[in-house]
N, C-alpha and C. Protein backbone atom coordinates (compact mmCIF):
# COMPACT_ATOMS: atom_id res chain seq x y z
N MET A 1 0.99 -1.11 0.17
CA MET A 1 -0.04 0.16 -0.37
C MET A 1 0.44 0.69 0.12
N THR A 2 0.58 2.80 -1.12
CA THR A 2 1.07 3.77 -1.11
C THR A 2 0.48 4.29 -0.16
N TYR A 3 1.27 5.55 0.41
CA TYR A 3 0.48 6.66 1.36
C TYR A 3 1.30 7.71 0.55
N ALA A 4 0.43 8.99 -0.38
CA ALA A 4 0.10 10.12 -0.98
C ALA A 4 1.28 11.08 0.04
N LEU A 5 1.64 11.00 -0.25
CA LEU A 5 2.24 13.05 0.41
C LEU A 5 2.16 13.78 0.15
N THR A 6 1.43 13.95 -0.36
CA THR A 6 0.71 14.70 -1.08
C THR A 6 -0.05 15.79 -0.09
N ARG A 7 -1.34 15.21 0.77
CA ARG A 7 -2.16 15.52 1.92
C ARG A 7 -1.16 15.18 3.00
N ALA A 8 -1.55 15.88 4.87
CA ALA A 8 -1.31 15.41 5.58
C ALA A 8 -2.03 14.18 6.14
N SER A 9 -1.68 13.99 7.72
CA SER A 9 -2.92 12.81 7.99
C SER A 9 -3.39 13.38 9.06
N PRO A 10 -4.33 12.50 10.19
CA PRO A 10 -5.55 13.78 10.41
C PRO A 10 -4.26 13.72 12.26
N GLN A 11 -3.28 12.79 12.55
CA GLN A 11 -2.42 12.31 13.73
C GLN A 11 -1.47 13.44 12.27
N SER A 12 -0.54 13.70 11.47
CA SER A 12 0.30 14.46 11.20
C SER A 12 0.05 16.18 11.62
N ASP A 13 -1.88 16.04 11.30
CA ASP A 13 -2.42 17.78 11.60
C ASP A 13 -2.13 18.11 12.99
N PHE A 14 -2.54 16.91 13.51
CA PHE A 14 -2.45 16.43 15.70
C PHE A 14 -1.12 17.41 16.14
N HIS A 15 -0.35 15.90 15.38
CA HIS A 15 1.46 16.61 16.17
C HIS A 15 1.84 17.84 16.20
N SER A 16 1.48 18.62 14.19
CA SER A 16 1.95 20.05 14.21
C SER A 16 0.97 20.63 14.45
N THR A 17 -0.33 21.24 15.13
CA THR A 17 -0.56 21.62 16.07
C THR A 17 -0.15 21.90 17.88
N THR A 18 -0.01 20.16 17.79
CA THR A 18 0.64 20.22 19.44
C THR A 18 2.44 20.73 19.35
N LEU A 19 2.99 20.98 18.73
CA LEU A 19 3.84 21.62 18.40
C LEU A 19 4.28 23.24 17.82
N ILE A 20 4.24 23.61 17.07
CA ILE A 20 2.96 24.87 17.05
C ILE A 20 2.88 25.77 18.06
N THR A 21 1.58 25.11 19.54
CA THR A 21 1.28 25.66 20.64
C THR A 21 2.39 25.05 21.74
N ALA A 22 3.44 24.30 21.64
CA ALA A 22 4.25 24.64 21.78
C ALA A 22 5.62 25.30 22.18
N VAL A 23 5.96 25.04 20.69
CA VAL A 23 6.90 26.29 20.95
C VAL A 23 6.46 27.53 21.12
N VAL A 24 5.50 27.89 20.26
CA VAL A 24 4.04 29.95 21.21
C VAL A 24 4.73 29.03 23.17
N ALA A 25 3.72 28.58 23.30
CA ALA A 25 4.52 29.10 24.47
C ALA A 25 5.49 29.03 25.38
N ALA A 26 6.12 28.38 24.82
CA ALA A 26 7.95 27.83 25.35
C ALA A 26 8.03 29.22 25.20
N VAL A 27 8.12 30.63 23.71
CA VAL A 27 8.80 31.52 23.01
C VAL A 27 7.76 32.99 24.33
N ALA A 28 6.94 32.57 24.05
CA ALA A 28 6.14 33.29 25.25
C ALA A 28 6.47 32.98 27.12
N THR A 29 6.47 32.43 27.47
CA THR A 29 7.25 31.99 28.45
C THR A 29 8.71 32.41 28.82
N PHE A 30 9.99 32.52 27.53
CA PHE A 30 11.05 33.19 27.83
C PHE A 30 9.87 34.66 27.96
N VAL A 31 9.70 34.94 26.92
CA VAL A 31 9.53 36.51 26.71
C VAL A 31 8.66 37.23 28.72
N THR A 32 7.85 36.74 28.22
CA THR A 32 7.33 37.31 29.58
C THR A 32 8.80 37.14 31.10
N ILE A 33 9.70 35.90 31.00
CA ILE A 33 10.58 36.21 32.30
C ILE A 33 11.53 37.04 31.57
N VAL A 34 11.70 37.52 30.17
CA VAL A 34 13.11 38.62 30.38
C VAL A 34 12.40 39.68 30.79
N MET A 35 11.31 39.58 30.81
CA MET A 35 10.28 41.48 31.29
C MET A 35 9.81 41.49 32.14
N GLY A 36 10.37 40.24 33.10
CA GLY A 36 9.97 40.18 34.28
C GLY A 36 8.64 40.66 34.66
N LEU A 37 7.32 39.20 33.39
CA LEU A 37 5.98 39.75 33.98
C LEU A 37 5.76 38.17 34.80
N PRO A 38 4.53 38.27 35.21
CA PRO A 38 4.60 37.29 35.65
C PRO A 38 3.80 36.29 34.20
N THR A 39 4.66 35.08 33.99
CA THR A 39 3.69 34.11 33.44
C THR A 39 2.61 33.15 32.82
N TRP A 40 1.55 32.89 34.15
CA TRP A 40 0.72 32.85 34.59
C TRP A 40 0.02 33.21 34.16
N ALA A 41 -0.04 35.04 34.36
CA ALA A 41 -0.83 36.65 33.67
C ALA A 41 -0.92 36.21 32.78
N ALA A 42 0.43 35.35 31.60
CA ALA A 42 -0.06 34.97 30.54
C ALA A 42 -0.49 34.93 30.23
N PHE A 43 -0.46 33.41 30.58
CA PHE A 43 -1.37 32.42 30.00
C PHE A 43 -3.63 32.59 30.56
N LEU A 44 -3.43 33.90 31.33
CA LEU A 44 -4.69 33.31 31.81
C LEU A 44 -4.75 35.26 30.27
N GLY A 45 -4.15 34.84 30.18
CA GLY A 45 -4.88 36.66 28.85
C GLY A 45 -4.89 35.20 27.24
N TRP A 46 -4.13 34.14 27.72
CA TRP A 46 -4.46 33.81 26.16
C TRP A 46 -5.36 33.12 26.86
N VAL A 47 -6.11 32.48 27.45
CA VAL A 47 -7.09 32.27 27.76
C VAL A 47 -8.49 32.43 27.01
N GLY A 48 -8.11 34.03 28.15
CA GLY A 48 -9.38 35.00 27.67
C GLY A 48 -9.30 35.42 26.57
N TYR A 49 -8.40 34.97 26.03
CA TYR A 49 -9.04 35.86 23.93
C TYR A 49 -9.63 34.68 22.93
N SER A 50 -8.34 33.42 23.90
CA SER A 50 -9.73 31.98 23.45
C SER A 50 -10.87 31.89 24.10
N ILE A 51 -11.69 32.24 24.49
CA ILE A 51 -12.85 31.53 25.89
C ILE A 51 -13.63 31.66 24.60
N SER A 52 -13.81 32.14 23.75
CA SER A 52 -15.09 32.35 22.94
C SER A 52 -14.80 33.21 21.33
N GLY A 53 -15.90 32.74 21.10
CA GLY A 53 -15.00 33.23 18.71
C GLY A 53 -13.91 32.27 18.48
N GLN A 54 -14.19 33.14 17.03
CA GLN A 54 -13.27 31.64 16.37
C GLN A 54 -12.58 32.53 15.46
N THR A 55 -12.88 33.55 15.47
CA THR A 55 -12.46 34.96 14.66
C THR A 55 -10.79 36.09 15.52
N THR A 56 -10.01 36.31 14.27
CA THR A 56 -9.60 37.44 15.43
C THR A 56 -10.38 38.49 15.57
N ARG A 57 -11.30 39.37 15.70
CA ARG A 57 -11.98 40.62 16.27
C ARG A 57 -13.28 39.76 17.49
N GLU A 58 -12.91 38.02 17.49
CA GLU A 58 -13.57 38.25 18.44
C GLU A 58 -13.15 37.85 19.84
N GLY A 59 -11.80 37.56 19.63
CA GLY A 59 -10.17 36.80 20.32
C GLY A 59 -10.15 39.22 20.57
N ALA A 60 -10.29 39.39 20.10
CA ALA A 60 -9.68 40.93 20.54
C ALA A 60 -10.66 41.96 20.92
N ALA A 61 -11.49 41.62 20.71
CA ALA A 61 -12.93 41.37 21.87
C ALA A 61 -12.99 40.93 23.21
N ASN A 62 -12.34 40.22 23.17
CA ASN A 62 -12.70 38.92 24.75
C ASN A 62 -11.68 39.40 25.00
N LEU A 63 -10.41 39.65 24.14
CA LEU A 63 -9.07 40.66 25.14
C LEU A 63 -9.63 41.35 25.79
N VAL A 64 -9.76 42.29 25.71
CA VAL A 64 -10.57 44.06 26.07
C VAL A 64 -10.98 43.55 27.10
N SER A 65 -12.37 42.52 26.56
CA SER A 65 -12.98 42.51 27.92
C SER A 65 -12.18 42.09 29.48
N PHE A 66 -11.30 41.49 28.58
CA PHE A 66 -9.81 40.34 29.62
C PHE A 66 -9.34 41.99 31.37
N LEU A 67 -8.50 43.16 29.97
CA LEU A 67 -7.94 43.60 30.43
C LEU A 67 -9.47 45.01 31.09
N LEU A 68 -10.44 44.81 30.31
CA LEU A 68 -11.01 45.42 31.58
C LEU A 68 -11.57 45.37 32.59
N GLY A 69 -11.50 43.87 32.61
CA GLY A 69 -11.35 42.52 33.83
C GLY A 69 -10.55 42.84 34.78
N LEU A 70 -9.79 43.10 34.07
CA LEU A 70 -8.23 44.04 34.82
C LEU A 70 -8.26 45.86 35.83
N ALA A 71 -9.31 46.00 35.09
CA ALA A 71 -9.57 47.12 35.57
C ALA A 71 -10.15 47.13 36.59
N PHE A 72 -11.64 46.70 36.06
CA PHE A 72 -12.78 46.16 37.06
C PHE A 72 -11.89 45.38 39.13
N GLY A 73 -11.56 44.46 38.67
CA GLY A 73 -10.35 44.17 39.76
C GLY A 73 -9.57 45.15 40.55
N LEU A 74 -8.98 46.31 39.80
CA LEU A 74 -8.16 47.92 40.65
C LEU A 74 -9.51 48.04 41.12
N GLY A 75 -9.92 48.61 40.62
CA GLY A 75 -11.47 49.92 40.91
C GLY A 75 -11.93 48.64 42.65
N THR A 76 -12.05 47.25 42.60
CA THR A 76 -12.22 46.21 43.72
C THR A 76 -12.06 46.42 44.20
N GLY A 77 -10.56 46.36 44.18
CA GLY A 77 -9.85 46.57 45.73
C GLY A 77 -9.51 47.90 46.26
N VAL A 78 -9.19 48.40 44.82
CA VAL A 78 -9.73 49.98 45.88
C VAL A 78 -11.03 49.98 46.44
N VAL A 79 -11.67 49.56 46.07
CA VAL A 79 -13.20 49.94 47.02
C VAL A 79 -13.24 48.64 48.18
N ILE A 80 -12.60 47.31 47.90
CA ILE A 80 -12.46 46.56 49.66
C ILE A 80 -12.08 47.23 49.98
N GLU A 81 -10.26 47.86 49.61
CA GLU A 81 -9.51 48.68 51.06
C GLU A 81 -10.21 49.43 51.49
N PHE A 82 -11.01 50.20 50.55
CA PHE A 82 -11.44 51.93 52.22
C PHE A 82 -12.11 51.59 52.45
N LEU A 83 -13.52 50.69 52.21
CA LEU A 83 -14.03 49.86 52.92
C LEU A 83 -13.98 49.23 54.50
N THR A 84 -13.09 48.25 53.83
CA THR A 84 -12.95 47.56 55.04
C THR A 84 -12.78 47.90 56.84
N PRO A 85 -11.72 49.28 57.39
CA PRO A 85 -11.86 50.14 58.33
C PRO A 85 -13.34 50.04 58.52
N ALA A 86 -13.93 50.02 57.75
CA ALA A 86 -15.94 50.35 58.41
C ALA A 86 -16.03 49.35 58.68
N LEU A 87 -16.23 47.79 57.79
CA LEU A 87 -16.83 47.66 57.07
C LEU A 87 -16.68 45.89 57.93
N GLY A 88 -15.55 46.36 57.59
CA GLY A 88 -14.54 44.56 57.77
C GLY A 88 -14.73 43.00 57.16
N SER A 89 -14.95 42.34 57.59
CA SER A 89 -14.83 41.20 56.59
C SER A 89 -16.33 40.52 55.19
N ALA A 90 -17.23 42.80 55.49
CA ALA A 90 -17.59 41.80 54.61
C ALA A 90 -17.95 43.23 53.93
N ALA A 91 -16.95 43.44 53.55
CA ALA A 91 -16.58 44.75 52.52
C ALA A 91 -16.07 44.27 51.20
N ALA A 92 -15.65 42.47 51.20
CA ALA A 92 -14.83 42.21 50.28
C ALA A 92 -16.14 41.59 49.79
N PRO A 93 -17.08 40.47 50.05
CA PRO A 93 -18.47 40.12 49.95
C PRO A 93 -18.85 41.50 49.46
N LEU A 94 -19.24 42.38 49.77
CA LEU A 94 -19.95 43.79 49.19
C LEU A 94 -19.78 44.54 47.67
N ALA A 95 -17.68 44.75 47.66
CA ALA A 95 -17.40 44.60 46.73
C ALA A 95 -17.39 44.30 45.19
N VAL A 96 -17.70 42.37 45.84
CA VAL A 96 -17.80 41.71 44.19
C VAL A 96 -18.44 41.90 44.38
N PHE A 97 -19.93 41.59 45.20
CA PHE A 97 -21.06 41.65 43.77
C PHE A 97 -21.59 42.55 43.12
N GLY A 98 -20.94 43.93 43.77
CA GLY A 98 -21.37 45.59 42.43
C GLY A 98 -20.38 44.57 41.75
N VAL A 99 -19.13 44.70 41.56
CA VAL A 99 -18.58 44.19 40.05
C VAL A 99 -18.84 43.20 39.77
N VAL A 100 -19.29 41.90 40.12
CA VAL A 100 -20.66 40.64 39.28
C VAL A 100 -21.45 41.70 39.09
N ILE A 101 -22.27 42.65 39.33
CA ILE A 101 -23.56 43.06 38.10
C ILE A 101 -23.33 43.98 37.68
N VAL A 102 -21.64 44.85 37.89
CA VAL A 102 -21.32 45.71 36.18
C VAL A 102 -21.05 44.03 35.44
N VAL A 103 -20.85 43.80 35.22
CA VAL A 103 -19.18 42.02 34.27
C VAL A 103 -21.06 42.18 33.76
N MET A 104 -21.71 41.32 34.43
CA MET A 104 -22.74 40.83 34.39
C MET A 104 -24.03 41.92 33.40
N SER A 105 -23.98 42.98 33.26
CA SER A 105 -24.86 43.81 33.22
C SER A 105 -23.77 44.12 31.42
N LEU A 106 -22.74 44.32 31.62
CA LEU A 106 -21.95 44.17 30.36
C LEU A 106 -22.02 43.05 29.30
N ARG A 107 -23.26 41.53 29.45
CA ARG A 107 -23.39 40.85 27.76
C ARG A 107 -24.14 41.86 27.37
N SER A 108 -24.59 43.06 27.54
CA SER A 108 -26.11 43.26 27.07
C SER A 108 -24.56 44.01 25.90
N LEU A 109 -23.12 45.01 26.02
CA LEU A 109 -22.82 45.64 25.53
C LEU A 109 -21.94 44.30 24.32
N SER A 110 -22.48 44.84 23.20
CA SER A 110 -21.30 44.46 21.80
C SER A 110 -20.46 44.65 21.18
N PRO A 111 -19.67 44.34 20.59
CA PRO A 111 -18.41 43.10 21.04
C PRO A 111 -17.98 42.40 22.32
N ILE A 112 -17.33 43.88 23.10
CA ILE A 112 -17.18 43.09 24.30
C ILE A 112 -17.60 42.72 25.97
N ASN A 113 -19.12 41.46 25.57
CA ASN A 113 -19.64 40.42 26.16
C ASN A 113 -19.44 39.41 26.44
N ASN A 114 -18.17 39.31 27.30
CA ASN A 114 -18.05 37.90 26.82
C ASN A 114 -17.74 37.65 28.88
N PRO A 115 -18.65 37.45 29.45
CA PRO A 115 -17.80 37.52 30.88
C PRO A 115 -16.79 36.81 31.86
N LEU A 116 -16.98 35.08 30.78
CA LEU A 116 -15.44 34.59 31.32
C LEU A 116 -14.33 35.11 30.68
N ALA A 117 -14.19 36.53 30.46
CA ALA A 117 -13.16 37.26 29.94
C ALA A 117 -12.85 37.91 31.00
N TYR A 118 -14.60 39.31 30.78
CA TYR A 118 -13.79 40.12 31.91
C TYR A 118 -13.53 38.91 33.45
N PHE A 119 -14.51 38.71 33.76
CA PHE A 119 -13.13 37.62 35.47
C PHE A 119 -12.78 36.89 35.17
N LEU A 120 -12.15 36.53 34.11
CA LEU A 120 -10.31 36.10 33.82
C LEU A 120 -8.82 36.94 34.07
N GLY A 121 -10.15 37.66 33.64
CA GLY A 121 -8.84 39.39 34.27
C GLY A 121 -9.70 39.90 35.40
N LEU A 122 -10.44 39.89 36.33
CA LEU A 122 -10.57 39.95 37.55
C LEU A 122 -9.58 38.60 38.24
N ILE A 123 -9.62 37.82 37.84
CA ILE A 123 -8.43 36.96 38.71
C ILE A 123 -7.03 36.49 38.58
N SER A 124 -6.80 37.24 37.89
CA SER A 124 -5.36 38.12 37.46
C SER A 124 -5.32 38.57 38.32
N PHE A 125 -5.94 39.56 38.24
CA PHE A 125 -5.93 40.60 39.41
C PHE A 125 -5.93 39.63 40.69
N PHE A 126 -6.98 39.66 41.14
CA PHE A 126 -7.16 38.57 42.46
C PHE A 126 -5.71 37.78 42.82
N ALA A 127 -5.53 37.42 41.36
CA ALA A 127 -4.56 35.54 42.22
C ALA A 127 -3.32 36.97 42.60
N SER A 128 -3.33 38.20 42.02
CA SER A 128 -1.32 38.31 42.14
C SER A 128 -0.57 38.06 43.96
N ALA A 129 -2.81 38.64 44.85
CA ALA A 129 -2.11 38.45 45.84
C ALA A 129 -2.14 40.02 45.99
N GLN A 130 -1.51 40.96 45.63
CA GLN A 130 -1.12 42.48 46.07
C GLN A 130 -1.65 43.52 45.95
N MET A 131 -1.59 44.66 46.82
CA MET A 131 -2.10 45.70 47.14
C MET A 131 -2.21 45.93 45.25
N SER A 132 -3.45 46.46 45.84
CA SER A 132 -3.69 47.72 44.70
C SER A 132 -3.32 48.78 43.79
N SER A 133 -2.76 48.63 42.53
CA SER A 133 -2.11 50.13 41.94
C SER A 133 -2.53 49.63 40.56
N LEU A 134 -1.34 50.73 40.13
CA LEU A 134 -2.02 50.74 38.41
C LEU A 134 -0.29 50.79 37.97
N SER A 135 0.34 50.52 39.29
CA SER A 135 2.01 49.42 39.08
C SER A 135 1.89 48.18 38.41
N LEU A 136 0.50 47.41 39.80
CA LEU A 136 0.32 45.99 38.93
C LEU A 136 -0.89 45.97 38.20
N LEU A 137 -1.48 46.76 37.32
CA LEU A 137 -1.82 47.03 36.57
C LEU A 137 -1.40 47.17 35.14
N ALA A 138 -0.14 47.48 35.12
CA ALA A 138 0.72 47.80 33.73
C ALA A 138 1.99 46.76 34.45
N MET A 139 1.25 46.03 34.55
CA MET A 139 2.61 44.63 34.88
C MET A 139 1.27 43.13 34.38
N LEU A 140 0.16 42.82 35.03
CA LEU A 140 -0.55 42.37 34.90
C LEU A 140 -1.41 42.36 33.29
N GLY A 141 -1.60 43.63 32.68
CA GLY A 141 -2.14 44.41 30.82
C GLY A 141 -1.24 43.97 29.65
N PRO A 142 0.23 44.12 30.29
CA PRO A 142 0.80 43.27 28.94
C PRO A 142 1.15 42.08 29.38
N ALA A 143 1.30 41.54 30.36
CA ALA A 143 2.02 39.87 30.65
C ALA A 143 0.24 39.22 30.14
N GLY A 144 -1.23 39.88 29.80
CA GLY A 144 -1.93 39.52 29.33
C GLY A 144 -2.19 40.31 28.11
N VAL A 145 -2.13 40.54 27.67
CA VAL A 145 -1.45 40.86 26.33
C VAL A 145 -0.83 40.13 25.26
N LEU A 146 0.78 39.64 25.52
CA LEU A 146 1.75 39.14 25.82
C LEU A 146 0.54 37.36 25.09
N GLY A 147 0.34 36.96 26.06
CA GLY A 147 -1.23 35.54 25.73
C GLY A 147 -1.38 35.98 25.30
N ALA A 148 -2.67 37.01 24.58
CA ALA A 148 -3.55 36.73 23.91
C ALA A 148 -2.41 36.68 22.91
N VAL A 149 -1.33 37.52 22.25
CA VAL A 149 -0.59 37.53 20.83
C VAL A 149 -0.51 36.42 20.91
N SER A 150 -0.06 35.47 22.04
CA SER A 150 0.65 34.32 21.47
C SER A 150 -0.38 33.15 21.77
N ALA A 151 -1.80 33.60 21.44
CA ALA A 151 -3.12 32.63 20.93
C ALA A 151 -3.71 32.83 19.67
N TRP A 152 -3.70 34.32 19.67
CA TRP A 152 -3.00 34.64 18.06
C TRP A 152 -2.33 34.38 16.81
N THR A 153 -1.32 33.77 17.53
CA THR A 153 0.08 33.38 16.50
C THR A 153 -0.03 32.32 16.78
N VAL A 154 -0.76 31.26 17.73
CA VAL A 154 -1.06 29.73 17.20
C VAL A 154 -2.54 29.38 16.68
N SER A 155 -3.31 30.60 16.39
CA SER A 155 -4.52 30.27 15.51
C SER A 155 -3.88 29.99 14.16
N TYR A 156 -2.67 31.49 13.60
CA TYR A 156 -2.20 31.41 12.67
C TYR A 156 -1.34 30.51 12.16
N LEU A 157 -0.91 30.55 12.39
CA LEU A 157 0.22 29.43 12.90
C LEU A 157 -0.40 28.77 11.84
N GLN A 158 -1.02 27.67 12.59
CA GLN A 158 -2.55 26.24 12.59
C GLN A 158 -3.49 27.22 11.68
N SER A 159 -3.91 27.39 10.50
CA SER A 159 -4.85 28.42 9.69
C SER A 159 -4.45 28.07 8.61
N ARG A 160 -2.46 28.69 8.56
CA ARG A 160 -0.82 28.80 7.57
C ARG A 160 -0.75 27.33 7.00
N LEU A 161 -0.67 26.03 7.77
CA LEU A 161 -0.56 25.41 8.38
C LEU A 161 -1.97 24.41 7.28
N GLN A 162 -2.82 24.66 7.61
CA GLN A 162 -4.12 24.17 7.39
C GLN A 162 -4.49 24.04 6.04
N GLN A 163 -3.65 26.02 5.84
CA GLN A 163 -3.27 26.34 3.99
C GLN A 163 -2.84 25.75 2.36
N ALA A 164 -1.94 24.51 3.74
CA ALA A 164 -0.57 24.29 2.26
C ALA A 164 -1.49 22.89 2.37
N ALA A 165 -1.42 22.42 2.92
CA ALA A 165 -2.14 20.57 3.32
C ALA A 165 -3.04 20.28 2.28
């Protein structure tokens, strides 16, 4: 039996996709280390970009939602810090209630209407476990953008691979 060399097999597509993703992830990790950015935040940006949608436009809208989630995290952190002296342990649940109302209300604001991307931004902010500051936002934002660019790169390279097959 002979095999045609002009068409890639599903197995080779599987392995090519795996290799492309691994190489891009390794490069993204290297860049975050060199830039002094948290690698985990870059991967949250990657997931935020990819969480829904199939097009670059949808991914970009998800990235905007992710970045707004970071900003909402900063605002929520400031509210918690402000309210804690007066409300004690009730400050955080009240602030979270407020930010979730805002995020869920944005479902109607197309194209930046992906609550999961907003929540990933919030998670990124609070997972840092640091005090609210613009410098924290200035560190997490670029890391998330780097992750989103990495996700786009994988998508682009995979589409080029499929076109070549």
